[in-house]
Amino acid sequence: MCLLFKNRIKTVSFDCGGTLYYEAEEDYMVFHRILLKLGYRFESVKVKEALEDARVWWSKEKARTREVWNEKAWVRLLRKMVSNLAISDQDLAEQLRGHWLSEAGFRAYEDAEPTLKKLKDNGFKLITISNVSSSRNLATYLRKAGLLEYFEMLVASGDLGCEKPNAEIFRIASRLSNTPVENMLHVGDKYEEDYLGARAAGMNAILIDRRGMFGGEHCPKISSLTDLVDLL
């Protein structure tokens, strides 16, 4: 596999959630804790149901409007969750979003930091291409995971109005990083969003498949991020 990438790559882009880090606990548990601190007493299962229903609603809205997940969408989803809990204070959604950024925890996969450090030391430019609400929030997630310092640029779909697997987000990342797509490698954990999206833009791509879930997909795959070092 090393012949695919050797000596051609100048910039490596990474998906973030599921690739570099994971959430330390489920969102509904974080919101349950925040609501308790704000004086709203619900069983955790009720918060879970309210959030799940809001996500189903958002999926339908997204399919109808083709809206990209961004800061406004985040607040709309939380307003739906608040409504599901029969709370009349719609301003609570903004509070929940702010508190969630403070309360939520993110943990780096064990193979993430050693790989990023080695690639950085070897002279590669490192960036992210992630379907998240904003680069501001993405910086918070990466900082909490202890990985922010390794990246020169954060590309977030919510800032740009297009998201993976749309090839345009990869082309924008190419322009912003001043790197031709043929000299970039994208690494992610989703076949359609990360691998197919990057390839549609003419970018090199590889799938991180820690659990062996993509055995039927014919594409370059690695089981650990540390494998990248030898490939590049």
Protein backbone atom coordinates (compact mmCIF):
# COMPACT_ATOMS: atom_id res chain seq x y z
CA MET A 1 0.00 0.00 0.00
CA CYS A 2 2.89 2.37 0.63
CA LEU A 3 3.46 2.82 -3.10
CA LEU A 4 0.10 4.59 -3.31
CA PHE A 5 1.22 7.58 -1.24
CA LYS A 6 5.00 7.57 -0.81
CA ASN A 7 6.68 10.91 -1.59
CA ARG A 8 3.49 12.47 -3.01
CA ILE A 9 1.75 13.78 0.10
CA LYS A 10 2.42 17.25 1.52
CA THR A 11 -0.75 17.79 3.57
CA VAL A 12 -2.71 15.24 5.59
CA SER A 13 -6.31 16.06 6.47
CA PHE A 14 -8.19 14.24 9.20
CA ASP A 15 -11.80 13.71 10.03
CA CYS A 16 -12.19 14.27 13.78
CA GLY A 17 -14.97 12.51 15.69
CA GLY A 18 -14.52 8.75 15.37
CA THR A 19 -11.10 9.22 13.80
CA LEU A 20 -9.03 11.26 16.26
CA TYR A 21 -11.25 11.40 19.34
CA TYR A 22 -14.51 10.20 20.83
CA GLU A 23 -16.99 11.67 23.31
CA ALA A 24 -16.34 10.58 26.88
CA GLU A 25 -20.07 10.14 27.59
CA GLU A 26 -23.29 10.24 25.64
CA ASP A 27 -24.83 13.64 24.94
CA TYR A 28 -28.04 12.98 26.83
CA MET A 29 -26.09 12.29 30.03
CA VAL A 30 -24.31 15.63 29.65
CA PHE A 31 -27.60 17.44 29.09
CA HIS A 32 -29.18 15.61 32.03
CA ARG A 33 -26.39 16.85 34.29
CA ILE A 34 -26.68 20.41 32.96
CA LEU A 35 -30.45 20.48 33.41
CA LEU A 36 -30.07 19.34 37.01
CA LYS A 37 -27.60 22.17 37.66
CA LEU A 38 -30.09 24.62 36.15
CA GLY A 39 -32.86 23.34 38.41
CA TYR A 40 -34.73 21.10 35.98
CA ARG A 41 -35.26 17.63 37.41
CA PHE A 42 -35.92 14.92 34.86
CA GLU A 43 -35.05 11.26 34.79
CA SER A 44 -32.14 10.67 32.44
CA VAL A 45 -34.28 8.42 30.26
CA LYS A 46 -36.67 11.33 29.63
CA VAL A 47 -33.80 13.53 28.50
CA LYS A 48 -32.57 10.72 26.26
CA GLU A 49 -36.00 10.33 24.66
CA ALA A 50 -36.36 14.10 24.17
CA LEU A 51 -32.96 14.33 22.50
CA GLU A 52 -33.51 11.28 20.30
CA ASP A 53 -36.86 12.65 19.13
CA ALA A 54 -35.22 16.01 18.37
CA ARG A 55 -32.57 14.24 16.28
CA VAL A 56 -35.23 12.37 14.30
CA TRP A 57 -36.97 15.70 13.72
CA TRP A 58 -33.70 17.30 12.60
CA SER A 59 -32.98 14.47 10.17
CA LYS A 60 -36.34 15.07 8.51
CA GLU A 61 -35.75 18.82 8.44
CA LYS A 62 -32.32 18.32 6.92
CA ALA A 63 -33.72 16.04 4.22
CA ARG A 64 -36.46 18.60 3.47
CA THR A 65 -34.34 21.76 3.49
CA ARG A 66 -30.85 20.35 2.75
CA GLU A 67 -29.59 22.58 5.55
CA VAL A 68 -26.02 22.01 6.68
CA TRP A 69 -25.42 21.36 10.38
CA ASN A 70 -24.24 24.65 11.87
CA GLU A 71 -24.61 26.79 14.99
CA LYS A 72 -28.19 27.82 14.14
CA ALA A 73 -29.19 24.22 13.48
CA TRP A 74 -27.66 23.20 16.80
CA VAL A 75 -29.86 25.71 18.63
CA ARG A 76 -32.95 24.63 16.66
CA LEU A 77 -32.39 21.01 17.65
CA LEU A 78 -31.98 21.98 21.31
CA ARG A 79 -35.16 24.05 21.17
CA LYS A 80 -36.95 20.94 19.95
CA MET A 81 -35.49 18.94 22.82
CA VAL A 82 -36.56 21.62 25.32
CA SER A 83 -40.05 21.60 23.83
CA ASN A 84 -40.16 17.81 24.10
CA LEU A 85 -39.48 18.19 27.82
CA ALA A 86 -42.41 20.63 28.07
CA ILE A 87 -40.13 23.47 29.17
CA SER A 88 -41.56 26.82 28.09
CA ASP A 89 -38.26 28.76 28.27
CA GLN A 90 -37.00 28.59 24.69
CA ASP A 91 -33.96 30.70 25.64
CA LEU A 92 -32.82 27.64 27.54
CA ALA A 93 -31.55 26.14 24.27
CA GLU A 94 -28.80 28.75 24.01
CA GLN A 95 -27.79 28.09 27.61
CA LEU A 96 -27.68 24.36 27.02
CA ARG A 97 -25.42 24.77 24.02
CA GLY A 98 -22.97 26.92 25.96
CA HIS A 99 -22.97 24.64 28.99
CA TRP A 100 -22.55 21.55 26.78
CA LEU A 101 -19.33 22.95 25.31
CA SER A 102 -17.99 23.32 28.84
CA GLU A 103 -19.31 20.06 30.24
CA ALA A 104 -18.75 17.58 27.39
CA GLY A 105 -15.53 15.57 27.46
CA PHE A 106 -13.48 14.36 24.51
CA ARG A 107 -10.78 11.71 24.58
CA ALA A 108 -8.17 11.06 21.95
CA TYR A 109 -7.73 7.54 20.63
CA GLU A 110 -4.43 6.08 21.82
CA ASP A 111 -3.03 6.08 18.28
CA ALA A 112 -3.94 9.72 17.56
CA GLU A 113 -1.35 11.88 19.29
CA PRO A 114 1.70 9.68 18.55
CA THR A 115 0.73 9.70 14.87
CA LEU A 116 0.11 13.45 14.69
CA LYS A 117 3.38 14.19 16.47
CA LYS A 118 5.39 11.96 14.15
CA LEU A 119 3.77 13.34 10.99
CA LYS A 120 4.32 16.89 12.22
CA ASP A 121 7.96 16.14 13.02
CA ASN A 122 8.33 14.65 9.53
CA GLY A 123 7.26 17.92 7.94
CA PHE A 124 3.67 17.23 6.92
CA LYS A 125 1.07 19.97 7.13
CA LEU A 126 -1.87 18.74 9.21
CA ILE A 127 -5.43 20.02 8.86
CA THR A 128 -8.95 18.82 9.65
CA ILE A 129 -11.97 18.41 7.38
CA SER A 130 -14.92 17.75 9.66
CA ASN A 131 -18.73 17.84 9.58
CA VAL A 132 -19.18 19.99 12.67
CA SER A 133 -21.17 23.12 13.45
CA SER A 134 -18.20 25.51 13.49
CA SER A 135 -14.43 25.68 13.61
CA ARG A 136 -14.78 27.42 16.99
CA ASN A 137 -16.51 24.38 18.44
CA LEU A 138 -14.09 22.03 16.68
CA ALA A 139 -11.17 23.84 18.30
CA THR A 140 -12.83 23.24 21.68
CA TYR A 141 -13.24 19.52 21.00
CA LEU A 142 -9.64 19.13 19.83
CA ARG A 143 -8.32 21.15 22.76
CA LYS A 144 -10.16 18.95 25.22
CA ALA A 145 -8.75 15.88 23.49
CA GLY A 146 -5.25 17.38 23.72
CA LEU A 147 -4.74 17.48 19.94
CA LEU A 148 -5.34 21.08 18.85
CA GLU A 149 -1.68 22.09 18.78
CA TYR A 150 -0.90 19.74 15.89
CA PHE A 151 -3.17 21.41 13.33
CA GLU A 152 -2.42 24.39 11.13
CA MET A 153 -5.99 24.78 9.92
CA LEU A 154 -9.48 23.61 10.88
CA VAL A 155 -12.02 23.18 8.09
CA ALA A 156 -15.56 22.86 9.50
CA SER A 157 -18.62 22.25 7.35
CA GLY A 158 -20.81 24.58 9.41
CA ASP A 159 -18.60 27.54 8.49
CA LEU A 160 -18.60 26.74 4.78
CA GLY A 161 -22.18 25.70 4.07
CA CYS A 162 -21.20 22.37 2.53
CA GLU A 163 -20.35 19.09 4.16
CA LYS A 164 -18.84 15.71 3.42
CA PRO A 165 -19.31 13.78 1.17
CA ASN A 166 -19.74 16.87 -1.02
CA ALA A 167 -16.47 17.11 -2.94
CA GLU A 168 -16.56 20.90 -2.64
CA ILE A 169 -15.51 20.89 1.02
CA PHE A 170 -12.38 18.95 0.08
CA ARG A 171 -11.64 21.35 -2.78
CA ILE A 172 -12.04 24.31 -0.43
CA ALA A 173 -9.63 22.67 2.02
CA SER A 174 -7.17 22.21 -0.83
CA ARG A 175 -7.34 25.90 -1.71
CA LEU A 176 -7.16 27.10 1.89
CA SER A 177 -4.17 24.88 2.65
CA ASN A 178 -2.49 25.91 -0.62
CA THR A 179 -2.00 22.26 -1.50
CA PRO A 180 -3.07 20.61 -4.79
CA VAL A 181 -5.55 17.78 -4.17
CA GLU A 182 -3.14 15.25 -5.65
CA ASN A 183 -0.66 16.13 -2.88
CA MET A 184 -3.20 15.67 -0.09
CA LEU A 185 -4.31 12.60 1.84
CA HIS A 186 -7.58 12.51 3.75
CA VAL A 187 -8.06 10.07 6.63
CA GLY A 188 -11.46 9.28 8.10
CA ASP A 189 -13.66 6.56 9.55
CA LYS A 190 -16.68 6.84 7.21
CA TYR A 191 -16.58 5.24 3.78
CA GLU A 192 -19.10 7.51 2.04
CA GLU A 193 -18.29 10.79 3.77
CA ASP A 194 -14.54 10.50 4.02
CA TYR A 195 -13.25 8.06 1.43
CA LEU A 196 -15.71 8.55 -1.43
CA GLY A 197 -16.03 12.28 -0.80
CA ALA A 198 -12.29 12.85 -0.92
CA ARG A 199 -11.84 10.67 -3.99
CA ALA A 200 -14.60 12.58 -5.80
CA ALA A 201 -12.52 15.71 -5.31
CA GLY A 202 -9.42 14.02 -6.72
CA MET A 203 -7.80 13.71 -3.31
CA ASN A 204 -5.98 10.65 -2.01
CA ALA A 205 -7.86 8.93 0.80
CA ILE A 206 -7.58 6.12 3.29
CA LEU A 207 -10.10 4.64 5.69
CA ILE A 208 -9.33 4.12 9.37
CA ASP A 209 -11.12 0.87 10.25
CA ARG A 210 -10.21 -0.01 13.84
CA ARG A 211 -12.99 -2.59 14.23
CA GLY A 212 -12.83 -4.26 10.81
CA MET A 213 -16.27 -3.00 9.82
CA PHE A 214 -15.43 -2.22 6.19
CA GLY A 215 -14.07 -5.54 4.99
CA GLY A 216 -16.33 -5.46 1.93
CA GLU A 217 -15.19 -2.04 0.77
CA HIS A 218 -12.37 -2.07 -1.79
CA CYS A 219 -10.24 0.87 -0.72
CA PRO A 220 -7.00 1.50 1.16
CA LYS A 221 -7.59 0.81 4.87
CA ILE A 222 -5.60 0.92 8.08
CA SER A 223 -6.51 -0.47 11.49
CA SER A 224 -4.43 2.07 13.43
CA LEU A 225 -3.48 5.68 12.71
CA THR A 226 0.13 4.81 13.51
CA ASP A 227 0.21 2.84 10.25
CA LEU A 228 0.20 6.18 8.41
CA VAL A 229 3.77 6.91 9.40
CA ASP A 230 5.19 4.04 7.36
CA LEU A 231 2.83 4.72 4.44
CA LEU A 232 4.05 8.31 4.11
